[in-house]
Structure formats: C-alpha cells, structure tokens
Amino acid sequence: MTPLATRLRAVLLFYRGVAPFTLGISALIVLAVLVPALREGRARGLLPMLLLLKLATGPAVWYLAEQLRPQQYWFYYNLGVSRGRLWAGVAVLDGLLFLGTAAAATALAA
C-alpha cells in the first residue's frame, strides 16, 4: 500500500473515532444558528460564518478527544502519521461535510 493511501486510511479511521464529538457540535450549530436564520429568511451569505464558527470549535473537540481517549495516537504513530496531519485531515473532512449539510439545508429551505 502506498504511503498516501495509508495516511488517508489513517485519517478516515481517526475521524471515525472523533466523529461523535464533531458531528454533535455540528448538529448544535445547525440547530442554534442555521435553523433560526432559515426561519427568518436571513440565511443568505451565512455559510462562510458557519464554517468559521465550526472551525472555532476545533479546540473543544481536540480537548474532548484528548481527555476521553488519552492513548489514541500510538497506532497512528506506528503508521507514520503525526497528530498534526490527523487533525488537519479531520478539519478538512469535517468542514466539507458540514458545509455540504448546511448548503443542502439552505437549498431545501429556499
């Protein structure tokens, strides 16, 4: 297996472990910010702000993951993937999923 495929699989495996935290925060953002904006008709141009809000919750997710699974990185170190690459992959993947969900909700409401 190539090193790139190994890193991609490692990021997907790591995302599976932190997905409950990231998806829970995404649901809270959608319910607290996007749904009221859609009801009031002010959802236009809201996606960049929502993405920044989602990225700002990254330290909270990182803290929760560190506290609840303190020894989670040894497997990924053995695959040759650092913490920075794991969390960068999670940020990109989760940001894309969140933007897709928010854009779909905005399109359905319009």
C-alpha atoms as a PDB file:
ATOM      1  CA  MET A   1       0.000   0.000   0.000  1.00  0.00           C
ATOM      2  CA  THR A   2       1.337   3.429  -0.851  1.00  0.00           C
ATOM      3  CA  PRO A   3       2.174   5.925   1.898  1.00  0.00           C
ATOM      4  CA  LEU A   4      -0.543   8.319   0.666  1.00  0.00           C
ATOM      5  CA  ALA A   5      -3.223   5.638   0.844  1.00  0.00           C
ATOM      6  CA  THR A   6      -2.014   4.637   4.297  1.00  0.00           C
ATOM      7  CA  ARG A   7      -2.241   8.228   5.514  1.00  0.00           C
ATOM      8  CA  LEU A   8      -5.708   8.656   4.014  1.00  0.00           C
ATOM      9  CA  ARG A   9      -6.956   5.485   5.640  1.00  0.00           C
ATOM     10  CA  ALA A  10      -5.412   6.565   8.955  1.00  0.00           C
ATOM     11  CA  VAL A  11      -7.202   9.930   8.783  1.00  0.00           C
ATOM     12  CA  LEU A  12     -10.521   8.245   7.988  1.00  0.00           C
ATOM     13  CA  LEU A  13     -10.012   5.803  10.852  1.00  0.00           C
ATOM     14  CA  PHE A  14      -9.126   8.644  13.215  1.00  0.00           C
ATOM     15  CA  TYR A  15     -12.145  10.661  12.041  1.00  0.00           C
ATOM     16  CA  ARG A  16     -14.356   7.708  12.862  1.00  0.00           C
ATOM     17  CA  GLY A  17     -13.133   7.944  16.458  1.00  0.00           C
ATOM     18  CA  VAL A  18     -13.725  11.681  16.859  1.00  0.00           C
ATOM     19  CA  ALA A  19     -16.875  11.853  14.713  1.00  0.00           C
ATOM     20  CA  PRO A  20     -19.273  11.738  17.687  1.00  0.00           C
ATOM     21  CA  PHE A  21     -17.734  14.963  19.007  1.00  0.00           C
ATOM     22  CA  THR A  22     -17.550  16.758  15.661  1.00  0.00           C
ATOM     23  CA  LEU A  23     -20.989  15.693  14.474  1.00  0.00           C
ATOM     24  CA  GLY A  24     -22.558  16.597  17.813  1.00  0.00           C
ATOM     25  CA  ILE A  25     -21.105  20.098  17.648  1.00  0.00           C
ATOM     26  CA  SER A  26     -22.205  20.377  14.009  1.00  0.00           C
ATOM     27  CA  ALA A  27     -25.755  19.474  14.974  1.00  0.00           C
ATOM     28  CA  LEU A  28     -25.734  22.088  17.737  1.00  0.00           C
ATOM     29  CA  ILE A  29     -24.515  24.771  15.323  1.00  0.00           C
ATOM     30  CA  VAL A  30     -27.147  23.880  12.740  1.00  0.00           C
ATOM     31  CA  LEU A  31     -29.938  23.854  15.318  1.00  0.00           C
ATOM     32  CA  ALA A  32     -28.841  27.010  17.134  1.00  0.00           C
ATOM     33  CA  VAL A  33     -27.753  29.185  14.194  1.00  0.00           C
ATOM     34  CA  LEU A  34     -28.889  27.898  10.815  1.00  0.00           C
ATOM     35  CA  VAL A  35     -32.453  26.824  11.579  1.00  0.00           C
ATOM     36  CA  PRO A  36     -33.460  30.184  13.146  1.00  0.00           C
ATOM     37  CA  ALA A  37     -31.784  32.041  10.263  1.00  0.00           C
ATOM     38  CA  LEU A  38     -33.692  29.932   7.753  1.00  0.00           C
ATOM     39  CA  ARG A  39     -36.968  30.644   9.530  1.00  0.00           C
ATOM     40  CA  GLU A  40     -36.306  34.387   9.468  1.00  0.00           C
ATOM     41  CA  GLY A  41     -35.082  34.361   5.858  1.00  0.00           C
ATOM     42  CA  ARG A  42     -31.560  35.583   6.705  1.00  0.00           C
ATOM     43  CA  ALA A  43     -29.610  32.501   5.589  1.00  0.00           C
ATOM     44  CA  ARG A  44     -28.127  34.165   2.506  1.00  0.00           C
ATOM     45  CA  GLY A  45     -24.366  34.539   2.877  1.00  0.00           C
ATOM     46  CA  LEU A  46     -24.324  32.655   6.163  1.00  0.00           C
ATOM     47  CA  LEU A  47     -22.186  29.685   5.069  1.00  0.00           C
ATOM     48  CA  PRO A  48     -18.734  31.338   5.492  1.00  0.00           C
ATOM     49  CA  MET A  49     -19.648  32.467   9.004  1.00  0.00           C
ATOM     50  CA  LEU A  50     -20.894  28.988   9.860  1.00  0.00           C
ATOM     51  CA  LEU A  51     -17.650  27.448   8.638  1.00  0.00           C
ATOM     52  CA  LEU A  52     -15.611  29.841  10.788  1.00  0.00           C
ATOM     53  CA  LEU A  53     -17.820  29.022  13.750  1.00  0.00           C
ATOM     54  CA  LYS A  54     -17.316  25.324  13.088  1.00  0.00           C
ATOM     55  CA  LEU A  55     -13.533  25.737  12.857  1.00  0.00           C
ATOM     56  CA  ALA A  56     -13.551  27.702  16.119  1.00  0.00           C
ATOM     57  CA  THR A  57     -14.965  24.641  17.887  1.00  0.00           C
ATOM     58  CA  GLY A  58     -11.879  22.634  16.915  1.00  0.00           C
ATOM     59  CA  PRO A  59     -10.032  23.182  20.221  1.00  0.00           C
ATOM     60  CA  ALA A  60     -13.062  21.914  22.153  1.00  0.00           C
ATOM     61  CA  VAL A  61     -13.156  18.751  20.065  1.00  0.00           C
ATOM     62  CA  TRP A  62      -9.416  18.289  20.475  1.00  0.00           C
ATOM     63  CA  TYR A  63      -9.715  18.690  24.260  1.00  0.00           C
ATOM     64  CA  LEU A  64     -12.600  16.200  24.477  1.00  0.00           C
ATOM     65  CA  ALA A  65     -10.728  13.671  22.363  1.00  0.00           C
ATOM     66  CA  GLU A  66      -7.592  14.047  24.498  1.00  0.00           C
ATOM     67  CA  GLN A  67      -9.489  13.657  27.764  1.00  0.00           C
ATOM     68  CA  LEU A  68     -11.662  10.724  26.766  1.00  0.00           C
ATOM     69  CA  ARG A  69      -9.067   8.779  24.746  1.00  0.00           C
ATOM     70  CA  PRO A  70      -5.605   9.772  26.047  1.00  0.00           C
ATOM     71  CA  GLN A  71      -3.630   6.915  24.440  1.00  0.00           C
ATOM     72  CA  GLN A  72      -5.196   7.106  20.975  1.00  0.00           C
ATOM     73  CA  TYR A  73      -2.143   8.211  18.993  1.00  0.00           C
ATOM     74  CA  TRP A  74       0.189   5.224  19.356  1.00  0.00           C
ATOM     75  CA  PHE A  75      -1.481   3.326  16.498  1.00  0.00           C
ATOM     76  CA  TYR A  76      -1.178   6.296  14.137  1.00  0.00           C
ATOM     77  CA  TYR A  77       2.460   6.885  15.090  1.00  0.00           C
ATOM     78  CA  ASN A  78       3.147   3.287  14.072  1.00  0.00           C
ATOM     79  CA  LEU A  79       1.616   4.083  10.670  1.00  0.00           C
ATOM     80  CA  GLY A  80       3.859   7.148  10.361  1.00  0.00           C
ATOM     81  CA  VAL A  81       1.137   9.783  10.697  1.00  0.00           C
ATOM     82  CA  SER A  82       1.595  12.684  13.107  1.00  0.00           C
ATOM     83  CA  ARG A  83      -1.037  14.397  15.246  1.00  0.00           C
ATOM     84  CA  GLY A  84      -0.922  17.475  13.038  1.00  0.00           C
ATOM     85  CA  ARG A  85      -1.730  15.509   9.902  1.00  0.00           C
ATOM     86  CA  LEU A  86      -4.519  13.659  11.665  1.00  0.00           C
ATOM     87  CA  TRP A  87      -6.170  16.811  12.951  1.00  0.00           C
ATOM     88  CA  ALA A  88      -5.655  18.660   9.662  1.00  0.00           C
ATOM     89  CA  GLY A  89      -7.383  15.814   7.847  1.00  0.00           C
ATOM     90  CA  VAL A  90     -10.212  15.842  10.377  1.00  0.00           C
ATOM     91  CA  ALA A  91     -10.639  19.613   9.978  1.00  0.00           C
ATOM     92  CA  VAL A  92     -10.824  19.365   6.184  1.00  0.00           C
ATOM     93  CA  LEU A  93     -13.120  16.342   6.128  1.00  0.00           C
ATOM     94  CA  ASP A  94     -15.425  17.669   8.828  1.00  0.00           C
ATOM     95  CA  GLY A  95     -15.516  21.135   7.271  1.00  0.00           C
ATOM     96  CA  LEU A  96     -16.528  19.694   3.907  1.00  0.00           C
ATOM     97  CA  LEU A  97     -19.228  17.521   5.464  1.00  0.00           C
ATOM     98  CA  PHE A  98     -20.543  20.446   7.490  1.00  0.00           C
ATOM     99  CA  LEU A  99     -20.602  22.825   4.517  1.00  0.00           C
ATOM    100  CA  GLY A 100     -22.360  20.234   2.387  1.00  0.00           C
ATOM    101  CA  THR A 101     -25.012  19.699   5.044  1.00  0.00           C
ATOM    102  CA  ALA A 102     -25.523  23.421   5.615  1.00  0.00           C
ATOM    103  CA  ALA A 103     -25.694  24.135   1.874  1.00  0.00           C
ATOM    104  CA  ALA A 104     -28.215  21.340   1.390  1.00  0.00           C
ATOM    105  CA  ALA A 105     -30.365  22.637   4.246  1.00  0.00           C
ATOM    106  CA  THR A 106     -30.211  26.169   2.830  1.00  0.00           C
ATOM    107  CA  ALA A 107     -31.132  24.924  -0.648  1.00  0.00           C
ATOM    108  CA  LEU A 108     -34.058  22.901   0.679  1.00  0.00           C
ATOM    109  CA  ALA A 109     -35.405  25.854   2.635  1.00  0.00           C
ATOM    110  CA  ALA A 110     -35.227  28.221  -0.345  1.00  0.00           C
END
